[in-house]
Amino acid sequence: MSAPTLVVSSEPSSALLREYQLPEGAPAEQLRAVTRVAATVCGVPHAVVNLLDECFQHQVGEVGFTGARSDLSDSMCALAMREPRLRHVPDASREPAYAGNPWVDGRLASVRLFATAPMRLADGRVLGTLCVFDMEPGSLSTDQLAALEDLAAQAVALFEQGRLARELEAARDQALAATRAKTAFLAAASHEIRTPLNGVLGMLEALGLEQLAPRQAEFVSLARSSGESLLVLLNDVLDLTKAETTAVTLAERPFRPADVAAEVVAALLPVARRKGLDLAVKDSDDGVLVGDPARLRQVVMNLVGNALKFTERGRVHVAVRIDRDPAAPVARLRLSVADTGAGMEPDETQRLFRPFTQGAQGRRFGGTGLGLALSQQIVGLMGGRIDVVSRPGAGSLLTVVVDLPAATADAPAAAPVAEPVLPVACPVPAPQRPGRPLRVLVADDSDVNLRVAEALLRAEGAEVVTVEDGDDGVRAVAAEHFDLVLLDMQMPRMSGPDAARAIRALDGPRAGTRLLALTAAATEEDRDACLAAGMEGVLLKPVRRAELRAALDEVAAS
């Protein structure tokens, strides 16, 4: 004995329409296309998609007449919804169920042939109906009625598509909001970490300027090295977050990849020599491409640094190759780093670019596993990849492969990127600048930061005045001459950008005083805010003596 057929009842529901954001969110043009096909297949002049709630019938797709909203009591489809199934009425004027209906008796129309198919969801609920009708009696074939049911299913697919698109958009917005919250948290954490780190590294650098016993100098150097490692970790975390959110803006300027490789090798050569390793650029193509040399340098620095870290004997060699096609606007850059280290198992290479993931050698030598993850993200933003070939005991070969525009013949290559200053164990004497000592004003609400800046600036031969807020800084500049003013971005009464704007609004030549931000705020938005306020540049905490020296040299040369 066969099971009885289950007929699902579906009363008109505003809640169901709201769930699908109907009728406002109905894809009207696509639904009109469905009704045009329905009318053509059924050989009638009129077709309509009807949505029903507790009070009204909403016509959201129609052909052959102008649709509108009408009372539910007048709806022919409301009767069909009481028992949603395919309905076929050859002459509605002969059906008692439609007696007195304004769509049949001539008040709204004189419908005779009428057929309707429910728009049923997968869970059995019914959104509405797809109807075809004519003002003359007639009948539809079995094939035509089957096609009407198929078209009703197509209309449901359109509604489901719209709902899924909205859900995906909401999920995307939620994910973006979470990412923005994470980025904001990391930026705030970076600021809070950089402030005490500025005190630690700054005071260690100032202590290194004193006459220390050899053992004391060694302790200071080791402490500074540890602080610098913490700073590198902090920068990598922020850069990785930016890369994940595509918040990294890539520069586009002519440069020689060979110069990038040479800069990295020169910077890391002391590390290689301490380990007795041969570090060199062995093959170098001198071609000029267009891209971001600073970001590429960051990637190569990570790759070479890792190779040196995991290689105990032998060599680390860098090679640059550019494959050109005269007929193509881009050239393929292959920048490879080969080492004679321990190598990796296949499963380790598969996990190589995951953040905070370490292989056997990584666990042995330490680290966070962020450098390669960040490198992969940056190269991915360039549209490239990093290929890995490695075998246990046979070393590793990592190759950056990226297509970059070829520079025009007369395009000048970018100047090499300046190498950051590394910790030193011996004092550096103050430079002898011609003329009077430069006068510097430092505004910062942290006494530690003021003492660090003052110690490093005095070591450079500058006269230093310190104040604890931006408004005090503005008054000081208005009252006396300064060659350089360093402004912290976040101060309690007047921020650095507000102080910069106030100084630029002063009368006379003091409005042109050179202003630099001295800040722990590391985001591009913060930098842009400082520059927009009239500052000429940004010094990021923890600040080094060499960076202050460069700022003073620039003032002296102007």
Protein backbone atom coordinates (compact mmCIF):
# COMPACT_ATOMS: atom_id res chain seq x y z
CA MET A 1 0.00 0.00 0.00
CA SER A 2 1.53 3.33 -1.05
CA ALA A 3 1.98 6.15 1.41
CA PRO A 4 -0.51 9.01 1.16
CA THR A 5 0.67 12.15 -0.63
CA LEU A 6 1.57 14.92 1.81
CA VAL A 7 0.12 18.30 0.85
CA VAL A 8 1.85 21.13 2.73
CA SER A 9 -0.36 24.07 3.58
CA SER A 10 1.20 27.52 3.41
CA GLU A 11 -0.73 30.51 4.71
CA PRO A 12 0.43 33.95 3.46
CA SER A 13 3.22 35.17 5.75
CA SER A 14 4.82 38.59 6.19
CA ALA A 15 7.59 36.94 8.19
CA LEU A 16 8.48 34.73 5.23
CA LEU A 17 8.58 37.70 2.88
CA ARG A 18 10.76 39.64 5.33
CA GLU A 19 13.15 36.69 5.51
CA TYR A 20 13.71 37.07 1.77
CA GLN A 21 13.46 40.90 1.88
CA LEU A 22 10.36 40.85 -0.30
CA PRO A 23 8.72 42.43 -2.11
CA GLU A 24 11.28 45.27 -2.05
CA GLY A 25 14.24 43.02 -2.80
CA ALA A 26 12.59 41.10 -5.62
CA PRO A 27 14.72 40.79 -8.80
CA ALA A 28 12.07 42.45 -10.97
CA GLU A 29 13.85 42.25 -14.33
CA GLN A 30 14.73 38.57 -13.96
CA LEU A 31 11.18 37.80 -12.85
CA ARG A 32 9.76 39.61 -15.88
CA ALA A 33 11.94 37.37 -18.04
CA VAL A 34 10.40 34.33 -16.32
CA THR A 35 6.87 35.62 -16.91
CA ARG A 36 7.62 36.36 -20.58
CA VAL A 37 8.72 32.77 -21.05
CA ALA A 38 5.68 31.51 -19.14
CA ALA A 39 3.28 33.54 -21.29
CA THR A 40 4.98 32.42 -24.50
CA VAL A 41 5.06 28.72 -23.55
CA CYS A 42 1.42 28.75 -22.41
CA GLY A 43 0.23 30.81 -25.40
CA VAL A 44 -1.48 33.49 -23.28
CA PRO A 45 -1.00 37.27 -23.15
CA HIS A 46 -0.65 37.63 -19.39
CA ALA A 47 1.69 36.21 -16.71
CA VAL A 48 2.58 37.42 -13.23
CA VAL A 49 4.60 36.48 -10.13
CA ASN A 50 2.50 37.09 -7.02
CA LEU A 51 3.78 37.32 -3.43
CA LEU A 52 1.24 37.22 -0.60
CA ASP A 53 1.30 38.33 2.99
CA GLU A 54 -1.54 38.45 5.50
CA CYS A 55 -3.10 41.54 3.92
CA PHE A 56 -1.93 42.06 0.35
CA GLN A 57 -1.01 40.45 -2.93
CA HIS A 58 2.21 41.94 -4.38
CA GLN A 59 2.83 41.61 -8.10
CA VAL A 60 6.63 41.70 -8.54
CA GLY A 61 7.02 40.42 -12.11
CA GLU A 62 4.45 40.68 -14.86
CA VAL A 63 3.93 40.72 -18.58
CA GLY A 64 0.87 41.87 -20.52
CA PHE A 65 -0.42 44.34 -17.91
CA THR A 66 0.75 46.74 -15.21
CA GLY A 67 1.19 45.00 -11.89
CA ALA A 68 0.32 46.51 -8.53
CA ARG A 69 -0.54 45.68 -4.94
CA SER A 70 -4.07 44.58 -4.21
CA ASP A 71 -6.04 43.44 -1.17
CA LEU A 72 -5.67 39.79 -0.28
CA SER A 73 -9.46 39.38 -0.29
CA ASP A 74 -9.45 40.11 -4.05
CA SER A 75 -6.65 37.67 -4.88
CA MET A 76 -7.33 34.60 -7.02
CA CYS A 77 -3.95 33.22 -5.89
CA ALA A 78 -4.91 33.47 -2.21
CA LEU A 79 -7.42 30.69 -2.85
CA ALA A 80 -4.73 28.61 -4.52
CA MET A 81 -2.38 29.13 -1.56
CA ARG A 82 -4.79 27.42 0.83
CA GLU A 83 -3.79 24.16 -0.82
CA PRO A 84 -0.65 24.93 -2.81
CA ARG A 85 -0.52 22.77 -5.92
CA LEU A 86 -0.66 23.20 -9.65
CA ARG A 87 -4.08 24.57 -10.63
CA HIS A 88 -5.67 24.79 -14.07
CA VAL A 89 -9.00 26.63 -14.55
CA PRO A 90 -10.26 26.73 -18.21
CA ASP A 91 -12.99 29.28 -17.38
CA ALA A 92 -12.93 31.06 -14.03
CA SER A 93 -16.41 32.53 -14.58
CA ARG A 94 -17.82 29.01 -14.28
CA GLU A 95 -15.98 28.25 -11.01
CA PRO A 96 -17.98 28.87 -7.81
CA ALA A 97 -14.77 29.61 -5.91
CA TYR A 98 -14.25 32.77 -7.98
CA ALA A 99 -17.81 34.02 -7.95
CA GLY A 100 -17.82 37.73 -7.10
CA ASN A 101 -14.04 38.04 -7.53
CA PRO A 102 -13.19 41.47 -9.05
CA TRP A 103 -10.54 39.89 -11.31
CA VAL A 104 -13.26 37.72 -12.83
CA ASP A 105 -16.48 39.76 -12.71
CA GLY A 106 -15.10 42.74 -14.64
CA ARG A 107 -14.35 45.21 -11.84
CA LEU A 108 -10.57 44.70 -12.18
CA ALA A 109 -10.48 42.31 -15.12
CA SER A 110 -12.45 39.51 -16.80
CA VAL A 111 -10.10 36.56 -16.31
CA ARG A 112 -11.25 33.31 -17.87
CA LEU A 113 -8.35 30.90 -18.50
CA PHE A 114 -6.29 30.76 -15.29
CA ALA A 115 -3.38 28.53 -14.27
CA THR A 116 -1.08 28.86 -11.27
CA ALA A 117 1.97 27.01 -9.89
CA PRO A 118 3.17 27.48 -6.31
CA MET A 119 6.69 28.82 -5.73
CA ARG A 120 7.65 26.26 -3.12
CA LEU A 121 10.85 26.43 -1.04
CA ALA A 122 12.91 23.36 -0.22
CA ASP A 123 11.40 23.22 3.28
CA GLY A 124 7.84 23.21 1.91
CA ARG A 125 6.97 26.82 2.58
CA VAL A 126 5.44 28.74 -0.32
CA LEU A 127 6.55 32.28 -1.22
CA GLY A 128 3.77 32.88 -3.74
CA THR A 129 2.64 31.77 -7.17
CA LEU A 130 3.48 32.03 -10.84
CA CYS A 131 0.25 32.64 -12.73
CA VAL A 132 -0.74 32.77 -16.40
CA PHE A 133 -4.17 33.91 -17.57
CA ASP A 134 -6.28 35.06 -20.51
CA MET A 135 -9.51 36.95 -20.91
CA GLU A 136 -10.84 34.14 -23.11
CA PRO A 137 -11.62 30.59 -22.00
CA GLY A 138 -9.08 27.94 -22.97
CA SER A 139 -6.97 25.10 -21.72
CA LEU A 140 -3.28 24.18 -21.33
CA SER A 141 -1.64 20.90 -22.24
CA THR A 142 0.15 18.65 -19.80
CA ASP A 143 3.51 19.81 -21.18
CA GLN A 144 2.55 23.45 -20.79
CA LEU A 145 1.54 22.90 -17.18
CA ALA A 146 4.78 21.04 -16.48
CA ALA A 147 6.72 23.95 -17.99
CA LEU A 148 4.78 26.33 -15.72
CA GLU A 149 5.90 24.32 -12.68
CA ASP A 150 9.50 24.37 -13.91
CA LEU A 151 9.38 28.14 -14.36
CA ALA A 152 7.96 28.55 -10.84
CA ALA A 153 11.00 26.63 -9.59
CA GLN A 154 13.23 29.00 -11.58
CA ALA A 155 11.57 31.97 -9.86
CA VAL A 156 12.27 30.34 -6.48
CA ALA A 157 15.92 29.91 -7.53
CA LEU A 158 16.10 33.66 -8.19
CA PHE A 159 14.75 34.44 -4.74
CA GLU A 160 17.17 31.95 -3.14
CA GLN A 161 20.03 33.46 -5.12
CA GLY A 162 19.20 36.90 -3.79
CA ARG A 163 18.96 35.61 -0.23
CA LEU A 164 22.29 33.79 -0.47
CA ALA A 165 23.93 36.88 -1.97
CA ARG A 166 22.68 38.97 0.95
CA GLU A 167 23.89 36.36 3.44
CA LEU A 168 27.30 36.27 1.79
CA GLU A 169 27.44 40.05 1.83
CA ALA A 170 26.51 40.10 5.51
CA ALA A 171 29.11 37.42 6.26
CA ARG A 172 31.69 39.39 4.30
CA ASP A 173 30.82 42.57 6.18
CA GLN A 174 31.06 40.69 9.46
CA ALA A 175 34.44 39.25 8.49
CA LEU A 176 35.68 42.68 7.40
CA ALA A 177 34.46 44.17 10.66
CA ALA A 178 36.32 41.46 12.58
CA THR A 179 39.44 42.10 10.51
CA ARG A 180 39.18 45.84 11.08
CA ALA A 181 38.76 45.20 14.80
CA LYS A 182 41.82 42.94 14.79
CA THR A 183 43.83 45.52 12.87
CA ALA A 184 42.72 48.29 15.22
CA PHE A 185 43.61 46.15 18.22
CA LEU A 186 47.05 45.36 16.83
CA ALA A 187 47.64 49.01 15.98
CA ALA A 188 46.67 50.02 19.51
CA ALA A 189 48.78 47.21 20.98
CA SER A 190 51.67 48.28 18.77
CA HIS A 191 51.42 51.84 20.06
CA GLU A 192 51.32 50.70 23.67
CA ILE A 193 54.24 48.29 23.17
CA ARG A 194 56.37 50.75 21.22
CA THR A 195 56.16 53.37 23.95
CA PRO A 196 57.94 51.31 26.66
CA LEU A 197 60.13 49.71 23.99
CA ASN A 198 61.27 53.19 23.02
CA GLY A 199 62.34 53.70 26.63
CA VAL A 200 64.16 50.37 26.79
CA LEU A 201 66.02 50.63 23.48
CA GLY A 202 66.58 54.36 23.77
CA MET A 203 68.07 54.14 27.23
CA LEU A 204 70.19 51.16 26.22
CA GLU A 205 71.53 53.15 23.29
CA ALA A 206 72.17 56.12 25.56
CA LEU A 207 73.88 53.81 28.05
CA GLY A 208 76.05 52.51 25.25
CA LEU A 209 77.38 56.04 24.78
CA GLU A 210 78.90 55.95 28.24
CA GLN A 211 82.37 54.64 29.06
CA LEU A 212 81.52 51.07 30.01
CA ALA A 213 83.66 48.19 31.03
CA PRO A 214 83.92 45.50 28.30
CA ARG A 215 81.61 43.12 30.17
CA GLN A 216 79.06 45.91 30.72
CA ALA A 217 79.23 46.86 27.04
CA GLU A 218 78.60 43.23 26.13
CA PHE A 219 75.52 43.11 28.38
CA VAL A 220 74.16 46.34 26.84
CA SER A 221 74.73 44.99 23.33
CA LEU A 222 72.93 41.73 24.14
CA ALA A 223 70.01 43.60 25.71
CA ARG A 224 69.74 45.86 22.65
CA SER A 225 69.85 42.87 20.34
CA SER A 226 66.98 41.25 22.25
CA GLY A 227 64.99 44.49 22.10
CA GLU A 228 65.60 44.75 18.35
CA SER A 229 64.34 41.17 17.92
CA LEU A 230 61.17 42.11 19.78
CA LEU A 231 60.75 45.12 17.50
CA VAL A 232 61.16 42.95 14.39
CA LEU A 233 58.47 40.60 15.72
CA LEU A 234 56.14 43.52 16.38
CA ASN A 235 56.67 44.89 12.86
CA ASP A 236 56.13 41.46 11.30
CA VAL A 237 52.83 40.97 13.11
CA LEU A 238 51.56 44.36 11.91
CA ASP A 239 52.79 43.81 8.36
CA LEU A 240 51.20 40.35 8.23
CA THR A 241 47.88 41.80 9.35
CA LYS A 242 48.07 44.51 6.69
CA ALA A 243 48.92 41.97 4.02
CA GLU A 244 46.02 39.71 5.06
CA THR A 245 43.61 42.62 4.65
CA THR A 246 45.31 43.86 1.48
CA ALA A 247 45.94 47.11 3.33
CA VAL A 248 49.48 47.17 1.93
CA THR A 249 49.85 49.75 -0.84
CA LEU A 250 52.49 48.67 -3.34
CA ALA A 251 54.68 51.32 -4.92
CA GLU A 252 55.23 51.45 -8.67
CA ARG A 253 58.60 52.86 -9.62
CA PRO A 254 61.55 51.72 -11.72
CA PHE A 255 64.20 49.73 -9.86
CA ARG A 256 66.86 47.07 -10.41
CA PRO A 257 66.12 43.78 -8.63
CA ALA A 258 69.88 43.18 -8.71
CA ASP A 259 70.31 46.26 -6.48
CA VAL A 260 67.78 44.85 -4.02
CA ALA A 261 69.68 41.57 -3.84
CA ALA A 262 73.00 43.38 -3.41
CA GLU A 263 71.59 45.57 -0.59
CA VAL A 264 70.29 42.55 1.33
CA VAL A 265 73.58 40.67 0.94
CA ALA A 266 75.56 43.73 2.10
CA ALA A 267 73.29 44.17 5.12
CA LEU A 268 73.51 40.52 6.22
CA LEU A 269 77.16 39.92 5.35
CA PRO A 270 78.32 40.48 8.98
CA VAL A 271 75.91 37.75 10.11
CA ALA A 272 77.27 35.36 7.48
CA ARG A 273 80.88 36.10 8.42
CA ARG A 274 80.22 35.42 12.09
CA LYS A 275 78.93 31.97 11.12
CA GLY A 276 81.72 31.36 8.60
CA LEU A 277 79.28 31.20 5.67
CA ASP A 278 79.81 32.34 2.09
CA LEU A 279 77.06 34.87 1.30
CA ALA A 280 77.08 36.38 -2.17
CA VAL A 281 75.07 37.33 -5.25
CA LYS A 282 76.30 34.78 -7.79
CA ASP A 283 74.15 35.52 -10.82
CA SER A 284 72.67 38.95 -11.42
CA ASP A 285 70.59 40.41 -14.24
CA ASP A 286 70.94 44.19 -14.37
CA GLY A 287 67.50 44.81 -15.89
CA VAL A 288 65.11 47.54 -14.68
CA LEU A 289 61.52 46.68 -13.74
CA VAL A 290 58.62 48.66 -12.28
CA GLY A 291 57.39 47.69 -8.81
CA ASP A 292 57.95 48.14 -5.09
CA PRO A 293 61.65 47.66 -4.28
CA ALA A 294 61.15 48.24 -0.53
CA ARG A 295 58.60 45.41 -0.25
CA LEU A 296 60.67 43.11 -2.44
CA ARG A 297 63.67 43.90 -0.26
CA GLN A 298 61.61 42.94 2.81
CA VAL A 299 60.82 39.57 1.20
CA VAL A 300 64.41 38.88 0.16
CA MET A 301 65.66 39.95 3.61
CA ASN A 302 63.38 37.32 5.16
CA LEU A 303 64.46 34.62 2.72
CA VAL A 304 68.20 35.30 3.09
CA GLY A 305 67.87 35.76 6.86
CA ASN A 306 66.15 32.38 7.17
CA ALA A 307 68.75 30.72 4.95
CA LEU A 308 71.57 32.08 7.13
CA LYS A 309 69.73 31.06 10.27
CA PHE A 310 69.28 27.44 9.19
CA THR A 311 72.66 26.95 7.49
CA GLU A 312 75.52 25.92 9.75
CA ARG A 313 78.22 25.50 7.11
CA GLY A 314 78.68 26.16 3.43
CA ARG A 315 77.03 28.97 1.54
CA VAL A 316 73.95 31.07 0.85
CA HIS A 317 73.80 32.35 -2.72
CA VAL A 318 71.36 34.80 -4.27
CA ALA A 319 70.56 34.89 -7.98
CA VAL A 320 68.52 37.33 -10.07
CA ARG A 321 67.13 36.40 -13.47
CA ILE A 322 64.73 38.38 -15.64
CA ASP A 323 62.98 36.59 -18.51
CA ARG A 324 61.97 39.10 -21.16
CA ASP A 325 59.65 38.84 -24.13
CA PRO A 326 60.03 41.91 -26.39
CA ALA A 327 56.40 41.55 -27.46
CA ALA A 328 55.06 41.41 -23.87
CA PRO A 329 54.59 44.44 -21.56
CA VAL A 330 55.81 42.49 -18.52
CA ALA A 331 58.94 40.52 -17.67
CA ARG A 332 59.20 37.55 -15.33
CA LEU A 333 61.47 38.10 -12.35
CA ARG A 334 63.03 35.02 -10.71
CA LEU A 335 64.93 35.95 -7.56
CA SER A 336 66.24 32.85 -5.82
CA VAL A 337 67.99 32.11 -2.53
CA ALA A 338 69.89 28.81 -2.33
CA ASP A 339 71.53 27.42 0.81
CA THR A 340 73.45 24.34 1.91
CA GLY A 341 71.48 23.95 5.12
CA ALA A 342 69.73 20.96 6.60
CA GLY A 343 66.86 21.03 4.10
CA MET A 344 63.26 20.04 4.78
CA GLU A 345 60.94 17.08 4.55
CA PRO A 346 58.06 17.37 2.01
CA ASP A 347 55.47 17.86 4.76
CA GLU A 348 57.53 20.74 6.19
CA THR A 349 57.60 22.57 2.84
CA GLN A 350 53.80 22.33 2.66
CA ARG A 351 53.50 24.12 6.02
CA LEU A 352 56.32 26.57 5.35
CA PHE A 353 54.21 29.68 4.79
CA ARG A 354 51.67 29.20 7.57
CA PRO A 355 51.90 31.86 10.31
CA PHE A 356 53.38 30.67 13.63
CA THR A 357 54.28 27.28 12.08
CA GLN A 358 57.79 25.94 12.57
CA GLY A 359 59.49 22.91 11.06
CA ALA A 360 62.12 20.80 12.80
CA GLN A 361 64.87 23.35 12.12
CA GLY A 362 62.62 26.23 13.15
CA ARG A 363 61.97 24.64 16.52
CA ARG A 364 65.69 24.06 16.91
CA PHE A 365 66.80 27.60 16.06
CA GLY A 366 63.75 29.45 17.39
CA GLY A 367 61.58 32.16 15.86
CA THR A 368 57.89 32.79 15.28
CA GLY A 369 57.39 31.60 11.72
CA LEU A 370 55.98 34.98 10.70
CA GLY A 371 58.69 36.07 8.27
CA LEU A 372 57.92 33.57 5.51
CA ALA A 373 54.16 33.94 5.97
CA LEU A 374 54.54 37.68 5.54
CA SER A 375 56.80 37.20 2.51
CA GLN A 376 54.23 34.93 0.86
CA GLN A 377 51.49 37.48 1.51
CA ILE A 378 53.51 40.34 0.01
CA VAL A 379 54.52 38.35 -3.08
CA GLY A 380 50.88 37.29 -3.45
CA LEU A 381 49.82 40.93 -3.45
CA MET A 382 52.34 41.48 -6.26
CA GLY A 383 50.60 38.71 -8.19
CA GLY A 384 53.47 36.26 -7.77
CA ARG A 385 54.47 33.21 -5.77
CA ILE A 386 57.38 31.68 -3.86
CA ASP A 387 58.51 28.28 -5.13
CA VAL A 388 60.27 25.90 -2.74
CA VAL A 389 62.62 23.02 -3.59
CA SER A 390 64.21 21.25 -0.63
CA ARG A 391 65.52 17.86 0.42
CA PRO A 392 66.75 16.73 3.83
CA GLY A 393 70.53 17.11 3.96
CA ALA A 394 70.69 18.82 0.55
CA GLY A 395 69.72 22.40 1.39
CA SER A 396 66.85 24.51 0.09
CA LEU A 397 66.08 26.72 -2.88
CA LEU A 398 63.39 29.39 -2.52
CA THR A 399 62.49 31.42 -5.61
CA VAL A 400 60.33 34.53 -5.83
CA VAL A 401 58.52 34.41 -9.18
CA VAL A 402 56.59 37.54 -10.14
CA ASP A 403 55.64 39.29 -13.37
CA LEU A 404 56.44 43.02 -13.32
CA PRO A 405 56.21 45.69 -16.01
CA ALA A 406 59.46 46.29 -17.84
CA ALA A 407 60.73 49.86 -17.39
CA THR A 408 61.23 52.11 -20.37
CA ALA A 409 64.78 52.55 -21.58
CA ASP A 410 65.12 56.06 -20.14
CA ALA A 411 63.45 55.35 -16.76
CA PRO A 412 65.88 55.97 -13.87
CA ALA A 413 66.13 53.14 -11.37
CA ALA A 414 65.18 53.88 -7.76
CA ALA A 415 68.03 54.62 -5.40
CA PRO A 416 69.02 51.78 -3.06
CA VAL A 417 67.00 51.58 0.15
CA ALA A 418 68.88 52.77 3.21
CA GLU A 419 69.90 49.99 5.57
CA PRO A 420 68.47 50.28 9.09
CA VAL A 421 71.03 50.87 11.79
CA LEU A 422 71.99 47.72 13.73
CA PRO A 423 72.92 47.70 17.42
CA VAL A 424 76.51 48.71 18.10
CA ALA A 425 78.62 47.95 21.13
CA CYS A 426 80.86 51.01 21.07
CA PRO A 427 80.03 54.73 21.42
CA VAL A 428 79.69 56.83 18.29
CA PRO A 429 81.18 60.31 18.71
CA ALA A 430 78.99 63.35 18.15
CA PRO A 431 79.43 64.84 14.66
CA GLN A 432 81.07 68.22 14.26
CA ARG A 433 78.57 70.35 12.37
CA PRO A 434 79.64 73.82 11.25
CA GLY A 435 78.13 76.82 12.99
CA ARG A 436 76.14 76.97 16.20
CA PRO A 437 74.53 73.89 17.80
CA LEU A 438 71.07 73.13 16.45
CA ARG A 439 68.17 73.87 18.81
CA VAL A 440 65.54 71.13 19.05
CA LEU A 441 62.16 71.20 20.81
CA VAL A 442 60.64 67.85 21.83
CA ALA A 443 56.95 67.65 22.84
CA ASP A 444 55.85 64.37 24.42
CA ASP A 445 53.63 63.51 27.37
CA SER A 446 55.93 60.63 28.45
CA ASP A 447 58.82 61.58 30.69
CA VAL A 448 60.70 58.45 29.58
CA ASN A 449 60.34 59.38 25.91
CA LEU A 450 61.51 62.93 26.64
CA ARG A 451 64.59 61.63 28.46
CA VAL A 452 65.41 59.23 25.62
CA ALA A 453 65.09 61.90 22.93
CA GLU A 454 67.03 64.40 25.01
CA ALA A 455 69.90 61.95 25.66
CA LEU A 456 70.23 60.91 22.03
CA LEU A 457 69.92 64.47 20.68
CA ARG A 458 72.49 65.82 23.14
CA ALA A 459 74.81 63.01 22.05
CA GLU A 460 74.48 64.53 18.59
CA GLY A 461 75.52 67.93 19.85
CA ALA A 462 72.07 69.53 19.82
CA GLU A 463 70.58 71.91 22.37
CA VAL A 464 67.33 70.36 23.60
CA VAL A 465 64.19 71.86 25.15
CA THR A 466 61.40 69.51 26.27
CA VAL A 467 57.69 70.15 26.93
CA GLU A 468 54.92 67.77 27.92
CA ASP A 469 52.07 68.81 25.64
CA GLY A 470 51.31 70.22 22.22
CA ASP A 471 50.00 73.56 23.43
CA ASP A 472 53.22 74.11 25.42
CA GLY A 473 55.10 73.30 22.24
CA VAL A 474 53.17 75.89 20.24
CA ARG A 475 53.87 78.56 22.88
CA ALA A 476 57.57 77.64 22.92
CA VAL A 477 57.87 77.95 19.14
CA ALA A 478 56.03 81.27 19.20
CA ALA A 479 58.39 82.58 21.89
CA GLU A 480 61.82 81.49 20.61
CA HIS A 481 63.64 80.02 17.64
CA PHE A 482 64.03 76.27 17.08
CA ASP A 483 65.70 74.56 14.14
CA LEU A 484 63.65 71.40 14.59
CA VAL A 485 60.49 70.43 16.49
CA LEU A 486 59.60 66.82 17.29
CA LEU A 487 55.92 66.29 18.14
CA ASP A 488 54.37 63.19 19.66
CA MET A 489 51.13 62.36 17.89
CA GLN A 490 49.00 61.59 20.95
CA MET A 491 49.14 64.12 23.80
CA PRO A 492 46.39 64.88 26.34
CA ARG A 493 45.50 68.54 25.70
CA MET A 494 46.71 69.19 22.15
CA SER A 495 47.76 66.38 19.82
CA GLY A 496 50.80 66.52 17.60
CA PRO A 497 48.82 67.14 14.38
CA ASP A 498 46.82 69.93 16.09
CA ALA A 499 50.05 71.48 17.37
CA ALA A 500 51.54 71.30 13.87
CA ARG A 501 48.55 73.11 12.40
CA ALA A 502 48.79 75.77 15.13
CA ILE A 503 52.50 76.31 14.44
CA ARG A 504 51.87 76.59 10.70
CA ALA A 505 49.27 79.28 11.49
CA LEU A 506 51.79 81.46 13.40
CA ASP A 507 52.84 84.81 11.99
CA GLY A 508 56.31 85.28 10.59
CA PRO A 509 59.13 82.86 9.78
CA ARG A 510 58.44 80.59 12.78
CA ALA A 511 55.46 79.19 10.89
CA GLY A 512 58.03 77.52 8.63
CA THR A 513 59.86 75.69 11.45
CA ARG A 514 60.76 72.15 10.45
CA LEU A 515 58.33 69.73 12.12
CA LEU A 516 58.64 65.98 12.47
CA ALA A 517 56.33 63.51 14.17
CA LEU A 518 57.99 61.37 16.82
CA THR A 519 55.34 58.75 17.38
CA ALA A 520 54.57 55.14 18.26
CA ALA A 521 51.57 55.15 15.90
CA ALA A 522 52.61 52.83 13.07
CA THR A 523 49.64 52.86 10.68
CA GLU A 524 49.60 54.54 7.28
CA GLU A 525 46.55 56.53 8.36
CA ASP A 526 48.49 57.99 11.29
CA ARG A 527 51.41 58.89 9.02
CA ASP A 528 49.08 60.53 6.52
CA ALA A 529 47.42 62.51 9.33
CA CYS A 530 50.80 63.87 10.44
CA LEU A 531 51.79 64.87 6.91
CA ALA A 532 48.38 66.43 6.24
CA ALA A 533 48.80 68.56 9.39
CA GLY A 534 51.96 70.13 7.97
CA MET A 535 54.74 67.93 9.31
CA GLU A 536 57.61 67.13 6.93
CA GLY A 537 58.15 63.55 8.10
CA VAL A 538 57.62 60.85 10.71
CA LEU A 539 60.13 59.22 13.07
CA LEU A 540 58.73 55.97 14.41
CA LYS A 541 59.40 54.90 17.99
CA PRO A 542 61.59 53.35 19.15
CA VAL A 543 63.77 56.03 17.61
CA ARG A 544 67.46 55.44 16.92
CA ARG A 545 70.30 57.87 17.32
CA ALA A 546 71.14 57.42 13.63
CA GLU A 547 67.63 58.53 12.62
CA LEU A 548 67.93 61.65 14.79
CA ARG A 549 71.38 62.29 13.35
CA ALA A 550 69.95 62.10 9.81
CA ALA A 551 67.18 64.55 10.76
CA LEU A 552 69.70 66.99 12.22
CA ASP A 553 71.98 66.66 9.19
CA GLU A 554 69.05 67.47 6.93
CA VAL A 555 68.28 70.60 8.95
CA ALA A 556 71.94 71.65 8.92
CA ALA A 557 72.14 71.20 5.16
CA SER A 558 69.04 73.27 4.45
